[in-house]
């Protein structure tokens, strides 16, 4: 069996690593992550990967060669921090919007056979589209044939609509074929919240539980639970009396504009203080998935803020995947991640492309 050596830049908690690490043909050599707590979380889940916990600017040619110890790199993965590209927040053309240049610098040092560059869809329209054109131009200068496509995680069994730009570069001819949806019209039905988190016990504000409500009774639950019997990170944030009344007054899928006048918040976007749908996938979650004033994230059955476990489930992280740090840090790790089931779909297609080249 031929194996391919892989490194992951801007690795986060390891969502993009996940799919490649699941297939025995891929050998993850090292990962780079600037945040200490997130780097620890990555290592908890990928203990055999050398973690370089440093700013990518400090990842010099000498340091990289020292880590590799003569090993050749076949694939580079990574998605530079996307806050500057996001359509949800302020869009800034600053140094963070140009971290892809550091990705290119490492790419140029190693010149692997292939790379996968992941980011939010906002990168396509940043600076009136000029930024993404520059990204492609910079990578093409190194001799890579490029393809890109927007993939929605919900099409691959993730119980959440989450669009990401996946840019793939191959040295010379690019024969990579993007994964075809496995879920959607004419296919398996989208995974709903009921199917994804319905086995988690009912909680009220401030409550927690360590026992599942019922056995895994669908394909998604069988994947995330993987025969495990210990429930962790299922604690409902504690909210004030007014917010609890507000959440309880909302029906399935309703938002603040549907509330009675005495409970309706005076400010906030239309999609804030809003319930998710029990029998639909989630909308895109962020690091604020437990904060009803931030986005649509109120539990449709329990009328409360979401637990860390529920956020991880909506990203398709297995229940035994570990997060590290404060609750806020854990939510950041989850909210910024590539959904594991999406990364697995990409990894399987990458293996097909590499095998056909061989």
Protein backbone atom coordinates (compact mmCIF):
# COMPACT_ATOMS: atom_id res chain seq x y z
CA UNK A 1 0.00 0.00 0.00
CA UNK A 2 1.42 3.36 -1.02
CA UNK A 3 1.25 6.05 1.64
CA UNK A 4 1.33 9.82 1.35
CA UNK A 5 2.86 12.20 3.88
CA UNK A 6 0.63 15.11 4.89
CA UNK A 7 1.06 18.32 6.89
CA UNK A 8 -1.72 20.63 8.12
CA UNK A 9 -1.15 24.40 8.41
CA UNK A 10 -3.48 26.62 10.48
CA UNK A 11 -4.66 23.25 11.75
CA UNK A 12 -7.11 24.37 14.41
CA UNK A 13 -8.54 21.50 16.37
CA UNK A 14 -7.99 19.11 13.45
CA UNK A 15 -11.22 19.03 11.48
CA UNK A 16 -9.44 18.97 8.12
CA UNK A 17 -6.83 16.55 9.43
CA UNK A 18 -9.60 14.19 10.53
CA UNK A 19 -10.63 12.86 7.13
CA UNK A 20 -7.07 12.24 6.00
CA UNK A 21 -6.04 10.63 9.29
CA UNK A 22 -8.95 8.20 9.02
CA UNK A 23 -7.58 6.65 5.81
CA UNK A 24 -4.47 4.45 6.29
CA UNK A 25 -2.93 5.68 3.02
CA UNK A 26 -2.36 9.13 4.55
CA UNK A 27 0.35 9.74 7.15
CA UNK A 28 0.00 13.07 8.98
CA UNK A 29 3.57 14.16 9.76
CA UNK A 30 3.13 17.50 11.47
CA UNK A 31 0.67 20.32 12.07
CA UNK A 32 1.00 24.01 12.82
CA UNK A 33 -1.33 26.02 15.08
CA UNK A 34 -0.62 29.38 16.73
CA UNK A 35 -3.04 29.17 19.70
CA UNK A 36 -1.70 27.13 22.63
CA UNK A 37 -5.03 25.73 23.85
CA UNK A 38 -6.15 24.81 20.34
CA UNK A 39 -2.78 23.16 19.68
CA UNK A 40 -3.25 21.10 22.86
CA UNK A 41 -6.73 20.05 21.68
CA UNK A 42 -5.28 18.99 18.33
CA UNK A 43 -2.64 16.85 20.05
CA UNK A 44 -5.20 15.22 22.34
CA UNK A 45 -6.90 13.86 19.22
CA UNK A 46 -3.83 13.32 17.03
CA UNK A 47 -1.10 12.35 19.53
CA UNK A 48 1.23 10.90 16.91
CA UNK A 49 1.41 14.13 14.89
CA UNK A 50 4.27 16.55 15.64
CA UNK A 51 2.57 19.80 16.63
CA UNK A 52 4.38 23.08 15.95
CA UNK A 53 2.64 25.52 18.28
CA UNK A 54 3.90 28.79 16.78
CA UNK A 55 3.04 31.65 14.45
CA UNK A 56 3.38 30.48 10.86
CA UNK A 57 5.81 33.39 10.32
CA UNK A 58 8.17 31.52 12.68
CA UNK A 59 7.90 28.29 10.69
CA UNK A 60 11.21 28.77 8.88
CA UNK A 61 12.79 26.54 6.25
CA UNK A 62 15.34 25.35 8.83
CA UNK A 63 12.67 24.53 11.40
CA UNK A 64 10.57 22.66 8.84
CA UNK A 65 13.57 20.61 7.67
CA UNK A 66 14.41 19.79 11.28
CA UNK A 67 10.87 18.48 11.90
CA UNK A 68 10.75 16.46 8.70
CA UNK A 69 14.15 14.82 9.21
CA UNK A 70 14.42 14.05 5.51
CA UNK A 71 10.82 12.93 4.99
CA UNK A 72 9.16 14.09 1.78
CA UNK A 73 5.81 15.89 2.00
CA UNK A 74 3.19 14.84 -0.56
CA UNK A 75 0.21 16.95 0.56
CA UNK A 76 -0.26 20.26 2.38
CA UNK A 77 -3.64 21.02 3.96
CA UNK A 78 -4.77 24.25 5.52
CA UNK A 79 -7.12 27.19 5.78
CA UNK A 80 -5.71 30.54 6.93
CA UNK A 81 -7.88 32.25 9.60
CA UNK A 82 -11.02 33.43 7.89
CA UNK A 83 -12.35 36.29 10.04
CA UNK A 84 -11.29 38.85 7.46
CA UNK A 85 -13.07 36.94 4.70
CA UNK A 86 -16.30 36.20 6.55
CA UNK A 87 -19.48 37.87 5.33
CA UNK A 88 -20.79 37.77 8.91
CA UNK A 89 -18.34 40.26 10.41
CA UNK A 90 -16.27 43.28 9.47
CA UNK A 91 -14.29 42.63 6.31
CA UNK A 92 -10.75 43.94 6.52
CA UNK A 93 -7.94 43.99 3.99
CA UNK A 94 -5.20 43.63 6.59
CA UNK A 95 -2.28 41.29 7.29
CA UNK A 96 -4.66 38.53 8.38
CA UNK A 97 -6.35 38.70 4.99
CA UNK A 98 -2.99 37.90 3.42
CA UNK A 99 -1.92 34.93 5.53
CA UNK A 100 -2.28 32.83 2.38
CA UNK A 101 1.11 34.32 1.40
CA UNK A 102 2.59 32.43 4.37
CA UNK A 103 0.80 29.31 3.17
CA UNK A 104 2.42 29.88 -0.23
CA UNK A 105 5.83 30.38 1.41
CA UNK A 106 5.67 26.96 3.07
CA UNK A 107 4.28 25.47 -0.14
CA UNK A 108 7.28 26.86 -2.03
CA UNK A 109 9.73 25.38 0.48
CA UNK A 110 8.26 21.88 0.24
CA UNK A 111 6.67 21.81 -3.25
CA UNK A 112 4.40 18.84 -2.48
CA UNK A 113 2.54 16.94 -5.17
CA UNK A 114 -0.78 18.49 -4.08
CA UNK A 115 -2.30 21.01 -1.69
CA UNK A 116 -5.79 21.66 -0.31
CA UNK A 117 -6.65 25.26 0.62
CA UNK A 118 -9.91 25.68 2.53
CA UNK A 119 -11.78 28.88 3.38
CA UNK A 120 -15.14 30.58 3.85
CA UNK A 121 -17.14 31.61 0.79
CA UNK A 122 -16.58 35.28 1.70
CA UNK A 123 -13.08 35.00 0.25
CA UNK A 124 -14.62 34.86 -3.25
CA UNK A 125 -16.05 38.38 -2.99
CA UNK A 126 -13.39 39.97 -0.78
CA UNK A 127 -12.02 43.18 -2.34
CA UNK A 128 -14.53 42.77 -5.19
CA UNK A 129 -13.10 39.35 -6.06
CA UNK A 130 -9.55 40.60 -6.47
CA UNK A 131 -8.23 38.83 -3.36
CA UNK A 132 -9.19 35.34 -4.55
CA UNK A 133 -7.80 36.10 -8.00
CA UNK A 134 -4.52 36.98 -6.28
CA UNK A 135 -4.66 33.75 -4.24
CA UNK A 136 -5.00 31.69 -7.44
CA UNK A 137 -2.31 33.70 -9.21
CA UNK A 138 0.18 33.22 -6.37
CA UNK A 139 -0.34 29.45 -6.31
CA UNK A 140 -0.29 29.14 -10.09
CA UNK A 141 3.11 30.88 -10.11
CA UNK A 142 4.50 27.80 -8.36
CA UNK A 143 3.36 25.60 -11.23
CA UNK A 144 0.20 24.16 -9.71
CA UNK A 145 -2.87 23.36 -11.79
CA UNK A 146 -5.83 24.70 -9.82
CA UNK A 147 -9.48 23.76 -9.30
CA UNK A 148 -11.91 25.23 -6.80
CA UNK A 149 -15.48 24.60 -5.79
CA UNK A 150 -17.90 25.63 -3.05
CA UNK A 151 -19.01 22.59 -1.05
CA UNK A 152 -21.86 22.59 1.47
CA UNK A 153 -21.21 20.23 4.39
CA UNK A 154 -24.90 19.31 4.60
CA UNK A 155 -24.54 17.47 1.27
CA UNK A 156 -22.11 15.03 2.91
CA UNK A 157 -24.09 13.98 5.98
CA UNK A 158 -23.27 16.92 8.27
CA UNK A 159 -26.43 18.19 10.06
CA UNK A 160 -25.58 21.79 9.19
CA UNK A 161 -25.54 24.05 6.14
CA UNK A 162 -21.91 25.18 6.01
CA UNK A 163 -20.40 26.32 2.73
CA UNK A 164 -16.66 26.27 2.22
CA UNK A 165 -14.40 27.07 -0.72
CA UNK A 166 -12.11 24.11 -1.43
CA UNK A 167 -9.18 25.04 -3.69
CA UNK A 168 -7.05 22.07 -4.83
CA UNK A 169 -3.69 22.38 -6.56
CA UNK A 170 -1.81 19.57 -8.29
CA UNK A 171 1.65 19.75 -9.77
CA UNK A 172 1.20 19.61 -13.53
CA UNK A 173 -2.11 17.96 -14.50
CA UNK A 174 -4.92 18.29 -11.97
CA UNK A 175 -7.16 15.22 -12.16
CA UNK A 176 -8.89 15.80 -8.82
CA UNK A 177 -12.67 15.29 -8.92
CA UNK A 178 -14.73 16.90 -6.17
CA UNK A 179 -16.90 14.56 -4.09
CA UNK A 180 -20.48 14.17 -5.25
CA UNK A 181 -23.20 14.83 -2.67
CA UNK A 182 -24.38 11.82 -0.69
CA UNK A 183 -27.37 13.68 0.80
CA UNK A 184 -30.02 15.90 -0.72
CA UNK A 185 -32.73 15.67 -3.37
CA UNK A 186 -32.87 12.19 -4.87
CA UNK A 187 -30.29 10.93 -2.35
CA UNK A 188 -30.28 10.21 1.37
CA UNK A 189 -32.31 12.84 3.25
CA UNK A 190 -30.38 15.61 4.96
CA UNK A 191 -29.50 14.83 8.58
CA UNK A 192 -31.81 16.85 10.84
CA UNK A 193 -31.34 18.11 14.38
CA UNK A 194 -33.77 15.48 15.63
CA UNK A 195 -31.53 12.78 14.12
CA UNK A 196 -28.25 14.45 15.15
CA UNK A 197 -28.94 15.44 18.76
CA UNK A 198 -32.24 13.76 19.65
CA UNK A 199 -30.44 11.11 21.71
CA UNK A 200 -29.09 13.78 24.06
CA UNK A 201 -31.22 14.15 27.21
CA UNK A 202 -33.56 17.08 27.75
CA UNK A 203 -31.90 19.90 29.69
CA UNK A 204 -33.08 23.19 31.11
CA UNK A 205 -30.90 26.27 31.59
CA UNK A 206 -27.92 25.42 33.82
CA UNK A 207 -28.49 21.65 33.83
CA UNK A 208 -26.11 18.94 32.62
CA UNK A 209 -26.15 15.19 31.96
CA UNK A 210 -23.66 12.38 31.34
CA UNK A 211 -26.08 9.71 30.07
CA UNK A 212 -27.57 9.25 26.62
CA UNK A 213 -31.36 9.32 26.39
CA UNK A 214 -31.57 6.33 24.01
CA UNK A 215 -29.37 4.10 21.83
CA UNK A 216 -27.92 5.24 18.52
CA UNK A 217 -30.84 4.65 16.13
CA UNK A 218 -29.60 6.14 12.86
CA UNK A 219 -26.50 6.21 10.68
CA UNK A 220 -25.28 9.60 11.92
CA UNK A 221 -25.54 8.63 15.60
CA UNK A 222 -23.76 5.35 14.95
CA UNK A 223 -20.90 7.36 13.44
CA UNK A 224 -20.56 10.00 16.19
CA UNK A 225 -21.10 7.58 19.09
CA UNK A 226 -19.03 4.71 17.67
CA UNK A 227 -20.30 2.31 20.35
CA UNK A 228 -19.24 4.71 23.11
CA UNK A 229 -21.34 4.86 26.28
CA UNK A 230 -20.04 8.01 27.99
CA UNK A 231 -21.58 11.40 27.26
CA UNK A 232 -19.40 14.47 27.89
CA UNK A 233 -19.69 18.24 27.40
CA UNK A 234 -23.51 18.18 27.58
CA UNK A 235 -24.25 21.14 29.84
CA UNK A 236 -26.73 23.92 29.10
CA UNK A 237 -25.42 27.45 29.69
CA UNK A 238 -27.10 29.30 32.54
CA UNK A 239 -29.30 32.16 31.33
CA UNK A 240 -31.33 34.86 33.03
CA UNK A 241 -35.08 34.65 33.64
CA UNK A 242 -36.03 37.05 30.82
CA UNK A 243 -33.96 35.20 28.20
CA UNK A 244 -35.40 31.87 29.35
CA UNK A 245 -38.96 33.22 28.92
CA UNK A 246 -38.01 34.58 25.51
CA UNK A 247 -36.63 31.23 24.33
CA UNK A 248 -39.63 29.32 25.67
CA UNK A 249 -42.03 31.65 23.85
CA UNK A 250 -40.53 30.83 20.45
CA UNK A 251 -41.93 28.04 18.32
CA UNK A 252 -39.88 25.83 15.98
CA UNK A 253 -37.87 27.99 13.57
CA UNK A 254 -39.23 31.31 14.86
CA UNK A 255 -37.11 34.42 15.50
CA UNK A 256 -37.33 37.56 17.63
CA UNK A 257 -39.81 39.21 15.23
CA UNK A 258 -42.32 36.48 16.13
CA UNK A 259 -42.17 37.26 19.85
CA UNK A 260 -44.83 39.19 21.79
CA UNK A 261 -43.94 42.85 22.22
CA UNK A 262 -43.09 42.55 25.92
CA UNK A 263 -40.44 39.91 25.24
CA UNK A 264 -39.07 41.16 21.93
CA UNK A 265 -35.46 42.46 22.07
CA UNK A 266 -35.10 46.06 20.94
CA UNK A 267 -31.97 45.35 18.89
CA UNK A 268 -30.32 42.55 16.97
CA UNK A 269 -30.40 41.16 13.45
CA UNK A 270 -33.43 39.27 12.18
CA UNK A 271 -31.66 35.94 12.62
CA UNK A 272 -30.80 36.55 16.28
CA UNK A 273 -32.83 35.24 19.22
CA UNK A 274 -34.01 32.53 16.84
CA UNK A 275 -34.83 28.83 17.21
CA UNK A 276 -33.41 26.17 14.98
CA UNK A 277 -35.71 23.68 13.26
CA UNK A 278 -36.07 20.25 14.86
CA UNK A 279 -36.66 18.50 11.56
CA UNK A 280 -34.16 20.40 9.41
CA UNK A 281 -30.37 20.73 9.42
CA UNK A 282 -28.88 23.62 11.36
CA UNK A 283 -27.91 26.90 9.80
CA UNK A 284 -24.16 27.68 9.89
CA UNK A 285 -22.90 27.72 13.46
CA UNK A 286 -20.12 30.00 14.70
CA UNK A 287 -18.09 30.16 17.90
CA UNK A 288 -21.18 31.86 19.41
CA UNK A 289 -23.48 28.86 19.03
CA UNK A 290 -24.47 29.10 22.71
CA UNK A 291 -25.32 32.81 22.51
CA UNK A 292 -28.93 33.44 21.32
CA UNK A 293 -28.22 37.16 20.78
CA UNK A 294 -25.52 36.30 18.23
CA UNK A 295 -27.21 34.03 15.68
CA UNK A 296 -29.90 31.37 15.22
CA UNK A 297 -28.89 28.80 17.81
CA UNK A 298 -31.73 28.19 20.30
CA UNK A 299 -32.47 24.51 20.88
CA UNK A 300 -35.80 23.77 19.15
CA UNK A 301 -36.98 21.10 21.59
CA UNK A 302 -35.59 22.32 24.92
CA UNK A 303 -35.87 26.12 24.38
CA UNK A 304 -32.39 26.86 25.71
CA UNK A 305 -28.86 27.70 24.60
CA UNK A 306 -26.92 24.86 22.96
CA UNK A 307 -24.41 22.70 24.84
CA UNK A 308 -20.82 22.18 23.68
CA UNK A 309 -21.66 18.58 22.75
CA UNK A 310 -24.55 19.74 20.58
CA UNK A 311 -22.30 22.22 18.77
CA UNK A 312 -19.76 19.45 18.17
CA UNK A 313 -22.52 17.17 16.87
CA UNK A 314 -23.70 19.83 14.40
CA UNK A 315 -20.13 19.88 13.05
CA UNK A 316 -20.12 16.03 12.93
CA UNK A 317 -17.32 15.63 15.48
CA UNK A 318 -17.39 12.16 17.07
CA UNK A 319 -18.39 12.16 20.73
CA UNK A 320 -14.93 10.96 21.78
CA UNK A 321 -13.21 13.92 20.06
CA UNK A 322 -11.68 16.10 22.78
CA UNK A 323 -11.68 19.88 23.13
CA UNK A 324 -9.48 21.84 25.51
CA UNK A 325 -9.60 25.03 27.56
CA UNK A 326 -12.45 27.16 28.86
CA UNK A 327 -15.97 26.61 27.55
CA UNK A 328 -15.51 29.70 25.36
CA UNK A 329 -12.30 28.25 23.93
CA UNK A 330 -13.99 24.91 23.24
CA UNK A 331 -16.78 26.67 21.37
CA UNK A 332 -14.15 28.56 19.35
CA UNK A 333 -12.41 25.26 18.48
CA UNK A 334 -15.71 23.80 17.30
CA UNK A 335 -17.11 26.86 15.54
CA UNK A 336 -14.00 27.47 13.42
CA UNK A 337 -13.48 23.86 12.36
CA UNK A 338 -13.91 22.03 9.07
CA UNK A 339 -16.64 19.40 9.67
CA UNK A 340 -14.99 15.96 9.90
CA UNK A 341 -17.48 14.31 7.52
CA UNK A 342 -16.72 16.95 4.89
CA UNK A 343 -12.97 16.42 5.31
CA UNK A 344 -13.47 12.67 4.97
CA UNK A 345 -15.33 13.14 1.65
CA UNK A 346 -12.45 15.31 0.37
CA UNK A 347 -9.81 12.84 1.58
CA UNK A 348 -11.48 9.91 -0.20
CA UNK A 349 -11.51 11.84 -3.48
CA UNK A 350 -7.89 12.86 -2.99
CA UNK A 351 -6.90 9.22 -2.61
CA UNK A 352 -8.70 8.38 -5.86
CA UNK A 353 -6.88 11.20 -7.70
CA UNK A 354 -3.47 10.17 -6.37
CA UNK A 355 -4.09 6.49 -7.07
CA UNK A 356 -5.08 7.19 -10.67
CA UNK A 357 -1.84 9.17 -11.13
CA UNK A 358 0.19 6.28 -9.79
